[in-house]
PDB file of N, CA and C in Angstrom:
ATOM      1  N   MET A   1     -10.173 -20.288  16.259  1.00  0.00           N
ATOM      2  CA  MET A   1      -9.598 -19.492  15.719  1.00  0.00           C
ATOM      3  C   MET A   1      -9.919 -18.092  16.542  1.00  0.00           C
ATOM      4  N   PRO A   2      -9.304 -17.115  16.500  1.00  0.00           N
ATOM      5  CA  PRO A   2      -9.215 -16.163  17.515  1.00  0.00           C
ATOM      6  C   PRO A   2     -10.361 -15.401  16.863  1.00  0.00           C
ATOM      7  N   ASP A   3     -11.075 -14.379  17.868  1.00  0.00           N
ATOM      8  CA  ASP A   3     -11.659 -13.532  17.473  1.00  0.00           C
ATOM      9  C   ASP A   3     -11.320 -12.150  16.062  1.00  0.00           C
ATOM     10  N   LEU A   4     -12.093 -12.232  15.115  1.00  0.00           N
ATOM     11  CA  LEU A   4     -11.876 -11.523  13.862  1.00  0.00           C
ATOM     12  C   LEU A   4     -11.240 -10.166  14.336  1.00  0.00           C
ATOM     13  N   ASN A   5      -9.992  -9.626  13.558  1.00  0.00           N
ATOM     14  CA  ASN A   5      -9.395  -8.440  13.677  1.00  0.00           C
ATOM     15  C   ASN A   5      -9.816  -7.399  13.432  1.00  0.00           C
ATOM     16  N   LEU A   6     -10.690  -6.656  13.836  1.00  0.00           N
ATOM     17  CA  LEU A   6     -11.812  -5.822  13.674  1.00  0.00           C
ATOM     18  C   LEU A   6     -10.751  -4.519  12.609  1.00  0.00           C
ATOM     19  N   ASP A   7      -9.069  -4.674  12.797  1.00  0.00           N
ATOM     20  CA  ASP A   7      -8.230  -3.322  12.318  1.00  0.00           C
ATOM     21  C   ASP A   7      -7.825  -3.716  11.084  1.00  0.00           C
ATOM     22  N   ARG A   8      -8.218  -4.954  10.372  1.00  0.00           N
ATOM     23  CA  ARG A   8      -7.701  -4.844   9.269  1.00  0.00           C
ATOM     24  C   ARG A   8      -9.028  -5.179   8.259  1.00  0.00           C
ATOM     25  N   GLY A   9      -8.182  -5.635   6.858  1.00  0.00           N
ATOM     26  CA  GLY A   9     -10.199  -5.341   5.925  1.00  0.00           C
ATOM     27  C   GLY A   9     -10.611  -6.718   5.504  1.00  0.00           C
ATOM     28  N   TRP A  10     -11.823  -6.765   5.662  1.00  0.00           N
ATOM     29  CA  TRP A  10     -12.494  -8.167   5.189  1.00  0.00           C
ATOM     30  C   TRP A  10     -13.383  -8.057   4.096  1.00  0.00           C
ATOM     31  N   ASP A  11     -13.719  -9.125   3.184  1.00  0.00           N
ATOM     32  CA  ASP A  11     -14.895  -8.810   2.123  1.00  0.00           C
ATOM     33  C   ASP A  11     -15.775 -10.032   2.621  1.00  0.00           C
ATOM     34  N   LEU A  12     -16.695  -9.751   1.767  1.00  0.00           N
ATOM     35  CA  LEU A  12     -17.693 -11.185   1.886  1.00  0.00           C
ATOM     36  C   LEU A  12     -16.703 -12.159   0.525  1.00  0.00           C
ATOM     37  N   HIS A  13     -17.026 -13.342   0.735  1.00  0.00           N
ATOM     38  CA  HIS A  13     -16.424 -14.044  -0.164  1.00  0.00           C
ATOM     39  C   HIS A  13     -16.823 -14.265  -1.679  1.00  0.00           C
ATOM     40  N   PRO A  14     -16.281 -14.362  -2.429  1.00  0.00           N
ATOM     41  CA  PRO A  14     -16.821 -14.079  -3.794  1.00  0.00           C
ATOM     42  C   PRO A  14     -17.685 -15.268  -4.048  1.00  0.00           C
ATOM     43  N   GLN A  15     -17.895 -16.578  -3.544  1.00  0.00           N
ATOM     44  CA  GLN A  15     -18.406 -17.411  -3.902  1.00  0.00           C
ATOM     45  C   GLN A  15     -19.842 -17.171  -2.690  1.00  0.00           C
ATOM     46  N   VAL A  16     -20.224 -15.655  -1.813  1.00  0.00           N
ATOM     47  CA  VAL A  16     -21.185 -15.511  -1.278  1.00  0.00           C
ATOM     48  C   VAL A  16     -22.570 -14.558  -1.851  1.00  0.00           C
ATOM     49  N   SER A  17     -23.454 -15.107  -1.823  1.00  0.00           N
ATOM     50  CA  SER A  17     -24.611 -14.820  -1.895  1.00  0.00           C
ATOM     51  C   SER A  17     -25.528 -14.399  -1.199  1.00  0.00           C
ATOM     52  N   VAL A  18     -26.050 -13.116  -1.043  1.00  0.00           N
ATOM     53  CA  VAL A  18     -26.696 -12.460   0.029  1.00  0.00           C
ATOM     54  C   VAL A  18     -28.488 -12.308  -0.559  1.00  0.00           C
ATOM     55  N   ARG A  19     -29.305 -13.141   0.076  1.00  0.00           N
ATOM     56  CA  ARG A  19     -30.525 -12.502  -0.265  1.00  0.00           C
ATOM     57  C   ARG A  19     -31.204 -12.173   0.707  1.00  0.00           C
ATOM     58  N   PRO A  20     -31.672 -10.333   1.056  1.00  0.00           N
ATOM     59  CA  PRO A  20     -32.256  -9.587   1.495  1.00  0.00           C
ATOM     60  C   PRO A  20     -33.680 -10.390   1.951  1.00  0.00           C
ATOM     61  N   GLU A  21     -34.120 -10.172   3.510  1.00  0.00           N
ATOM     62  CA  GLU A  21     -35.286 -11.137   3.937  1.00  0.00           C
ATOM     63  C   GLU A  21     -36.047 -10.502   5.095  1.00  0.00           C
ATOM     64  N   PRO A  22     -37.021  -9.802   5.163  1.00  0.00           N
ATOM     65  CA  PRO A  22     -37.436  -9.173   6.285  1.00  0.00           C
ATOM     66  C   PRO A  22     -36.918  -9.606   7.785  1.00  0.00           C
ATOM     67  N   PHE A  23     -36.329 -10.662   7.750  1.00  0.00           N
ATOM     68  CA  PHE A  23     -35.643 -10.730   9.470  1.00  0.00           C
ATOM     69  C   PHE A  23     -34.034 -10.228   9.138  1.00  0.00           C
ATOM     70  N   GLY A  24     -33.616 -10.245   7.677  1.00  0.00           N
ATOM     71  CA  GLY A  24     -32.055  -9.850   7.499  1.00  0.00           C
ATOM     72  C   GLY A  24     -31.986 -10.279   6.307  1.00  0.00           C
ATOM     73  N   ALA A  25     -31.313 -11.676   6.450  1.00  0.00           N
ATOM     74  CA  ALA A  25     -30.461 -11.579   4.996  1.00  0.00           C
ATOM     75  C   ALA A  25     -30.163 -13.101   5.705  1.00  0.00           C
ATOM     76  N   LEU A  26     -30.197 -13.862   3.918  1.00  0.00           N
ATOM     77  CA  LEU A  26     -29.359 -15.109   3.787  1.00  0.00           C
ATOM     78  C   LEU A  26     -28.226 -15.318   3.547  1.00  0.00           C
ATOM     79  N   LEU A  27     -27.192 -15.759   3.661  1.00  0.00           N
ATOM     80  CA  LEU A  27     -26.086 -16.128   3.451  1.00  0.00           C
ATOM     81  C   LEU A  27     -26.045 -17.188   2.693  1.00  0.00           C
ATOM     82  N   TYR A  28     -25.676 -17.419   1.138  1.00  0.00           N
ATOM     83  CA  TYR A  28     -25.022 -18.749   0.560  1.00  0.00           C
ATOM     84  C   TYR A  28     -24.036 -19.093   0.271  1.00  0.00           C
ATOM     85  N   HIS A  29     -23.470 -20.130   0.810  1.00  0.00           N
ATOM     86  CA  HIS A  29     -21.958 -19.936  -0.029  1.00  0.00           C
ATOM     87  C   HIS A  29     -22.245 -21.142  -1.129  1.00  0.00           C
ATOM     88  N   PHE A  30     -21.974 -20.864  -2.167  1.00  0.00           N
ATOM     89  CA  PHE A  30     -21.576 -21.862  -3.196  1.00  0.00           C
ATOM     90  C   PHE A  30     -20.438 -22.852  -3.425  1.00  0.00           C
ATOM     91  N   GLY A  31     -19.626 -22.375  -2.797  1.00  0.00           N
ATOM     92  CA  GLY A  31     -18.243 -23.255  -2.701  1.00  0.00           C
ATOM     93  C   GLY A  31     -18.603 -24.441  -1.354  1.00  0.00           C
ATOM     94  N   THR A  32     -19.270 -24.014  -0.114  1.00  0.00           N
ATOM     95  CA  THR A  32     -19.071 -25.272   0.623  1.00  0.00           C
ATOM     96  C   THR A  32     -20.264 -25.507   0.610  1.00  0.00           C
ATOM     97  N   ARG A  33     -21.141 -24.487   0.298  1.00  0.00           N
ATOM     98  CA  ARG A  33     -22.916 -25.088   0.301  1.00  0.00           C
ATOM     99  C   ARG A  33     -23.286 -24.736   1.829  1.00  0.00           C
ATOM    100  N   LYS A  34     -22.967 -24.091   2.309  1.00  0.00           N
ATOM    101  CA  LYS A  34     -23.336 -23.475   3.776  1.00  0.00           C
ATOM    102  C   LYS A  34     -24.357 -22.367   3.447  1.00  0.00           C
ATOM    103  N   LEU A  35     -25.669 -22.524   4.727  1.00  0.00           N
ATOM    104  CA  LEU A  35     -26.418 -21.534   4.808  1.00  0.00           C
ATOM    105  C   LEU A  35     -26.379 -20.609   6.159  1.00  0.00           C
ATOM    106  N   SER A  36     -26.228 -19.267   5.791  1.00  0.00           N
ATOM    107  CA  SER A  36     -25.856 -18.441   7.274  1.00  0.00           C
ATOM    108  C   SER A  36     -27.539 -17.471   7.393  1.00  0.00           C
ATOM    109  N   PHE A  37     -27.703 -17.437   8.370  1.00  0.00           N
ATOM    110  CA  PHE A  37     -29.029 -17.061   8.597  1.00  0.00           C
ATOM    111  C   PHE A  37     -28.775 -15.309   9.586  1.00  0.00           C
ATOM    112  N   LEU A  38     -28.353 -13.939   8.838  1.00  0.00           N
ATOM    113  CA  LEU A  38     -28.334 -12.678   9.535  1.00  0.00           C
ATOM    114  C   LEU A  38     -29.724 -11.971   9.954  1.00  0.00           C
ATOM    115  N   LYS A  39     -29.616 -12.408  11.373  1.00  0.00           N
ATOM    116  CA  LYS A  39     -31.399 -11.849  11.685  1.00  0.00           C
ATOM    117  C   LYS A  39     -31.130 -10.458  12.587  1.00  0.00           C
ATOM    118  N   ASP A  40     -29.921  -9.689  11.940  1.00  0.00           N
ATOM    119  CA  ASP A  40     -29.775  -8.197  12.789  1.00  0.00           C
ATOM    120  C   ASP A  40     -29.194  -7.552  11.295  1.00  0.00           C
ATOM    121  N   THR A  41     -30.380  -6.392  11.109  1.00  0.00           N
ATOM    122  CA  THR A  41     -29.765  -5.803  10.133  1.00  0.00           C
ATOM    123  C   THR A  41     -28.985  -4.791  10.329  1.00  0.00           C
ATOM    124  N   THR A  42     -28.521  -4.313  11.073  1.00  0.00           N
ATOM    125  CA  THR A  42     -26.822  -4.055  11.512  1.00  0.00           C
ATOM    126  C   THR A  42     -26.116  -4.611  11.273  1.00  0.00           C
ATOM    127  N   LEU A  43     -26.248  -5.823  11.441  1.00  0.00           N
ATOM    128  CA  LEU A  43     -24.807  -6.948  10.836  1.00  0.00           C
ATOM    129  C   LEU A  43     -24.933  -6.987   9.373  1.00  0.00           C
ATOM    130  N   LEU A  44     -26.136  -6.727   8.558  1.00  0.00           N
ATOM    131  CA  LEU A  44     -26.184  -7.034   7.257  1.00  0.00           C
ATOM    132  C   LEU A  44     -25.272  -6.101   6.536  1.00  0.00           C
ATOM    133  N   ALA A  45     -25.712  -4.756   7.403  1.00  0.00           N
ATOM    134  CA  ALA A  45     -25.113  -3.020   6.593  1.00  0.00           C
ATOM    135  C   ALA A  45     -23.602  -3.102   7.067  1.00  0.00           C
ATOM    136  N   VAL A  46     -23.103  -3.784   8.080  1.00  0.00           N
ATOM    137  CA  VAL A  46     -21.741  -3.916   8.036  1.00  0.00           C
ATOM    138  C   VAL A  46     -21.187  -5.083   7.184  1.00  0.00           C
ATOM    139  N   VAL A  47     -21.784  -6.329   6.821  1.00  0.00           N
ATOM    140  CA  VAL A  47     -21.422  -6.997   5.482  1.00  0.00           C
ATOM    141  C   VAL A  47     -21.725  -6.509   4.692  1.00  0.00           C
ATOM    142  N   ARG A  48     -22.380  -5.765   4.212  1.00  0.00           N
ATOM    143  CA  ARG A  48     -22.733  -5.140   3.011  1.00  0.00           C
ATOM    144  C   ARG A  48     -21.552  -4.158   2.586  1.00  0.00           C
ATOM    145  N   THR A  49     -21.410  -3.547   3.651  1.00  0.00           N
ATOM    146  CA  THR A  49     -20.203  -2.915   3.358  1.00  0.00           C
ATOM    147  C   THR A  49     -18.048  -2.878   3.323  1.00  0.00           C
ATOM    148  N   LEU A  50     -18.372  -4.029   3.958  1.00  0.00           N
ATOM    149  CA  LEU A  50     -17.336  -4.701   4.259  1.00  0.00           C
ATOM    150  C   LEU A  50     -15.937  -4.162   3.357  1.00  0.00           C
ATOM    151  N   ALA A  51     -16.375  -4.479   1.786  1.00  0.00           N
ATOM    152  CA  ALA A  51     -15.723  -4.115   0.558  1.00  0.00           C
ATOM    153  C   ALA A  51     -15.236  -3.014   0.587  1.00  0.00           C
ATOM    154  N   GLU A  52     -16.154  -2.105   0.524  1.00  0.00           N
ATOM    155  CA  GLU A  52     -15.947  -0.388   0.461  1.00  0.00           C
ATOM    156  C   GLU A  52     -14.844   0.529   1.912  1.00  0.00           C
ATOM    157  N   ALA A  53     -14.971  -0.242   2.912  1.00  0.00           N
ATOM    158  CA  ALA A  53     -14.488   0.113   4.291  1.00  0.00           C
ATOM    159  C   ALA A  53     -13.160  -0.185   4.429  1.00  0.00           C
ATOM    160  N   PRO A  54     -11.658   0.580   4.670  1.00  0.00           N
ATOM    161  CA  PRO A  54     -10.706  -0.213   4.946  1.00  0.00           C
ATOM    162  C   PRO A  54     -10.586  -0.921   6.017  1.00  0.00           C
ATOM    163  N   THR A  55     -11.613  -1.216   6.869  1.00  0.00           N
ATOM    164  CA  THR A  55     -11.228  -2.316   8.238  1.00  0.00           C
ATOM    165  C   THR A  55     -12.582  -2.701   8.453  1.00  0.00           C
ATOM    166  N   ALA A  56     -12.667  -3.790   9.215  1.00  0.00           N
ATOM    167  CA  ALA A  56     -13.959  -4.419  10.303  1.00  0.00           C
ATOM    168  C   ALA A  56     -14.570  -3.041  10.449  1.00  0.00           C
ATOM    169  N   ARG A  57     -13.502  -2.559  11.554  1.00  0.00           N
ATOM    170  CA  ARG A  57     -14.022  -1.405  12.556  1.00  0.00           C
ATOM    171  C   ARG A  57     -14.764  -0.166  12.007  1.00  0.00           C
ATOM    172  N   ALA A  58     -14.130   0.045  10.614  1.00  0.00           N
ATOM    173  CA  ALA A  58     -14.900   1.534   9.788  1.00  0.00           C
ATOM    174  C   ALA A  58     -16.301   0.704   9.237  1.00  0.00           C
ATOM    175  N   ALA A  59     -16.220  -0.362   9.247  1.00  0.00           N
ATOM    176  CA  ALA A  59     -18.042  -0.820   8.177  1.00  0.00           C
ATOM    177  C   ALA A  59     -18.487  -0.812   9.739  1.00  0.00           C
ATOM    178  N   CYS A  60     -18.148  -1.435  10.579  1.00  0.00           N
ATOM    179  CA  CYS A  60     -19.003  -1.268  11.963  1.00  0.00           C
ATOM    180  C   CYS A  60     -19.286   0.018  12.228  1.00  0.00           C
ATOM    181  N   ALA A  61     -18.453   1.188  12.022  1.00  0.00           N
ATOM    182  CA  ALA A  61     -18.684   2.838  12.426  1.00  0.00           C
ATOM    183  C   ALA A  61     -19.675   3.449  11.173  1.00  0.00           C
ATOM    184  N   ALA A  62     -19.592   2.848  10.280  1.00  0.00           N
ATOM    185  CA  ALA A  62     -20.419   2.908   9.145  1.00  0.00           C
ATOM    186  C   ALA A  62     -21.851   2.808   9.320  1.00  0.00           C
ATOM    187  N   ALA A  63     -22.089   1.820  10.282  1.00  0.00           N
ATOM    188  CA  ALA A  63     -23.268   0.829  10.120  1.00  0.00           C
ATOM    189  C   ALA A  63     -23.903   1.741  11.381  1.00  0.00           C
ATOM    190  N   GLY A  64     -23.144   2.848  12.185  1.00  0.00           N
ATOM    191  CA  GLY A  64     -23.965   3.412  13.294  1.00  0.00           C
ATOM    192  C   GLY A  64     -23.338   2.633  14.492  1.00  0.00           C
ATOM    193  N   ILE A  65     -22.928   1.698  14.801  1.00  0.00           N
ATOM    194  CA  ILE A  65     -22.588   0.546  15.960  1.00  0.00           C
ATOM    195  C   ILE A  65     -21.717   1.620  17.121  1.00  0.00           C
ATOM    196  N   ALA A  66     -22.009   1.131  17.671  1.00  0.00           N
ATOM    197  CA  ALA A  66     -21.490   2.296  19.114  1.00  0.00           C
ATOM    198  C   ALA A  66     -20.161   1.195  19.560  1.00  0.00           C
ATOM    199  N   GLU A  67     -18.968   2.271  20.237  1.00  0.00           N
ATOM    200  CA  GLU A  67     -18.331   1.299  20.670  1.00  0.00           C
ATOM    201  C   GLU A  67     -18.270   0.275  21.804  1.00  0.00           C
ATOM    202  N   SER A  68     -19.317   0.542  22.576  1.00  0.00           N
ATOM    203  CA  SER A  68     -19.662  -0.285  23.690  1.00  0.00           C
ATOM    204  C   SER A  68     -20.368  -1.550  22.883  1.00  0.00           C
ATOM    205  N   ASP A  69     -20.801  -1.445  21.758  1.00  0.00           N
ATOM    206  CA  ASP A  69     -21.447  -3.038  21.264  1.00  0.00           C
ATOM    207  C   ASP A  69     -20.596  -3.605  20.486  1.00  0.00           C
ATOM    208  N   LEU A  70     -19.142  -2.964  19.866  1.00  0.00           N
ATOM    209  CA  LEU A  70     -18.372  -4.028  19.130  1.00  0.00           C
ATOM    210  C   LEU A  70     -17.742  -5.160  19.508  1.00  0.00           C
ATOM    211  N   PRO A  71     -17.584  -5.254  20.357  1.00  0.00           N
ATOM    212  CA  PRO A  71     -17.589  -6.947  20.904  1.00  0.00           C
ATOM    213  C   PRO A  71     -18.360  -8.100  20.471  1.00  0.00           C
ATOM    214  N   ARG A  72     -20.084  -7.617  20.592  1.00  0.00           N
ATOM    215  CA  ARG A  72     -21.158  -8.805  20.140  1.00  0.00           C
ATOM    216  C   ARG A  72     -20.801  -8.370  18.495  1.00  0.00           C
ATOM    217  N   TYR A  73     -20.814  -7.476  18.070  1.00  0.00           N
ATOM    218  CA  TYR A  73     -20.620  -7.832  16.106  1.00  0.00           C
ATOM    219  C   TYR A  73     -19.211  -8.294  15.939  1.00  0.00           C
ATOM    220  N   GLN A  74     -17.962  -7.974  16.423  1.00  0.00           N
ATOM    221  CA  GLN A  74     -16.888  -9.022  16.143  1.00  0.00           C
ATOM    222  C   GLN A  74     -17.276 -10.266  16.599  1.00  0.00           C
ATOM    223  N   ARG A  75     -17.536 -10.786  17.426  1.00  0.00           N
ATOM    224  CA  ARG A  75     -18.093 -12.178  17.538  1.00  0.00           C
ATOM    225  C   ARG A  75     -18.604 -12.989  16.188  1.00  0.00           C
ATOM    226  N   ALA A  76     -20.072 -11.465  16.358  1.00  0.00           N
ATOM    227  CA  ALA A  76     -20.373 -12.082  15.076  1.00  0.00           C
ATOM    228  C   ALA A  76     -19.827 -12.434  13.437  1.00  0.00           C
ATOM    229  N   LEU A  77     -19.025 -11.342  13.433  1.00  0.00           N
ATOM    230  CA  LEU A  77     -18.102 -11.479  12.604  1.00  0.00           C
ATOM    231  C   LEU A  77     -16.612 -12.572  12.352  1.00  0.00           C
ATOM    232  N   SER A  78     -16.693 -12.742  13.365  1.00  0.00           N
ATOM    233  CA  SER A  78     -15.811 -14.170  13.486  1.00  0.00           C
ATOM    234  C   SER A  78     -16.209 -15.119  13.473  1.00  0.00           C
ATOM    235  N   THR A  79     -17.598 -15.673  13.787  1.00  0.00           N
ATOM    236  CA  THR A  79     -18.537 -16.802  13.194  1.00  0.00           C
ATOM    237  C   THR A  79     -18.992 -16.874  11.606  1.00  0.00           C
ATOM    238  N   LEU A  80     -19.069 -15.419  11.072  1.00  0.00           N
ATOM    239  CA  LEU A  80     -19.023 -15.891   9.740  1.00  0.00           C
ATOM    240  C   LEU A  80     -17.486 -16.032   8.942  1.00  0.00           C
ATOM    241  N   ALA A  81     -16.240 -15.294   9.552  1.00  0.00           N
ATOM    242  CA  ALA A  81     -15.722 -15.463   9.060  1.00  0.00           C
ATOM    243  C   ALA A  81     -14.767 -17.662   9.294  1.00  0.00           C
ATOM    244  N   LYS A  82     -15.148 -18.122  10.280  1.00  0.00           N
ATOM    245  CA  LYS A  82     -14.812 -19.049  10.533  1.00  0.00           C
ATOM    246  C   LYS A  82     -15.600 -20.461   9.607  1.00  0.00           C
ATOM    247  N   SER A  83     -17.054 -19.931   9.414  1.00  0.00           N
ATOM    248  CA  SER A  83     -17.716 -20.598   7.899  1.00  0.00           C
ATOM    249  C   SER A  83     -17.184 -20.089   6.930  1.00  0.00           C
ATOM    250  N   SER A  84     -16.334 -19.006   6.461  1.00  0.00           N
ATOM    251  CA  SER A  84     -15.397 -18.509   5.094  1.00  0.00           C
ATOM    252  C   SER A  84     -17.016 -17.885   4.898  1.00  0.00           C
ATOM    253  N   MET A  85     -17.910 -17.595   5.259  1.00  0.00           N
ATOM    254  CA  MET A  85     -18.702 -16.333   4.939  1.00  0.00           C
ATOM    255  C   MET A  85     -17.833 -14.764   4.741  1.00  0.00           C
ATOM    256  N   VAL A  86     -16.999 -14.672   5.113  1.00  0.00           N
ATOM    257  CA  VAL A  86     -16.129 -13.258   4.926  1.00  0.00           C
ATOM    258  C   VAL A  86     -14.773 -13.759   4.867  1.00  0.00           C
ATOM    259  N   ILE A  87     -14.335 -13.370   4.379  1.00  0.00           N
ATOM    260  CA  ILE A  87     -12.442 -13.790   4.426  1.00  0.00           C
ATOM    261  C   ILE A  87     -11.936 -12.357   4.458  1.00  0.00           C
ATOM    262  N   GLU A  88     -10.463 -12.464   5.189  1.00  0.00           N
ATOM    263  CA  GLU A  88      -9.539 -11.137   5.399  1.00  0.00           C
ATOM    264  C   GLU A  88      -9.033 -10.926   3.638  1.00  0.00           C
ATOM    265  N   ARG A  89      -9.086  -9.878   3.419  1.00  0.00           N
ATOM    266  CA  ARG A  89      -8.764  -8.882   2.614  1.00  0.00           C
ATOM    267  C   ARG A  89      -7.463  -9.099   2.413  1.00  0.00           C
ATOM    268  N   ALA A  90      -6.031  -9.786   1.278  1.00  0.00           N
ATOM    269  CA  ALA A  90      -5.385  -9.659   1.071  1.00  0.00           C
ATOM    270  C   ALA A  90      -4.266  -8.062   0.976  1.00  0.00           C
ATOM    271  N   SER A  91      -3.593  -8.278   1.899  1.00  0.00           N
ATOM    272  CA  SER A  91      -2.640  -7.115   2.334  1.00  0.00           C
ATOM    273  C   SER A  91      -2.282  -6.382   0.502  1.00  0.00           C
TER     274      SER A  91
END
């Protein structure tokens, strides 16, 4: 799967629960029974705002991510998409 397209809308999968932790958060997918650890509070902020943002790029901007740091967050979001934690929003 190629990198997640930052210029599309993305959402947290409806079967995913986010549990805040001191290190960031735990994401649990009730459908696949997968668990993901978010050890970056900025990434957590992006994941939490995906539903309100028109694109993943906008969610990153709202979280204060600099353009130079976007590739790192794009890779992290791509990993979450591969494990179905985040899904592309229907057009």
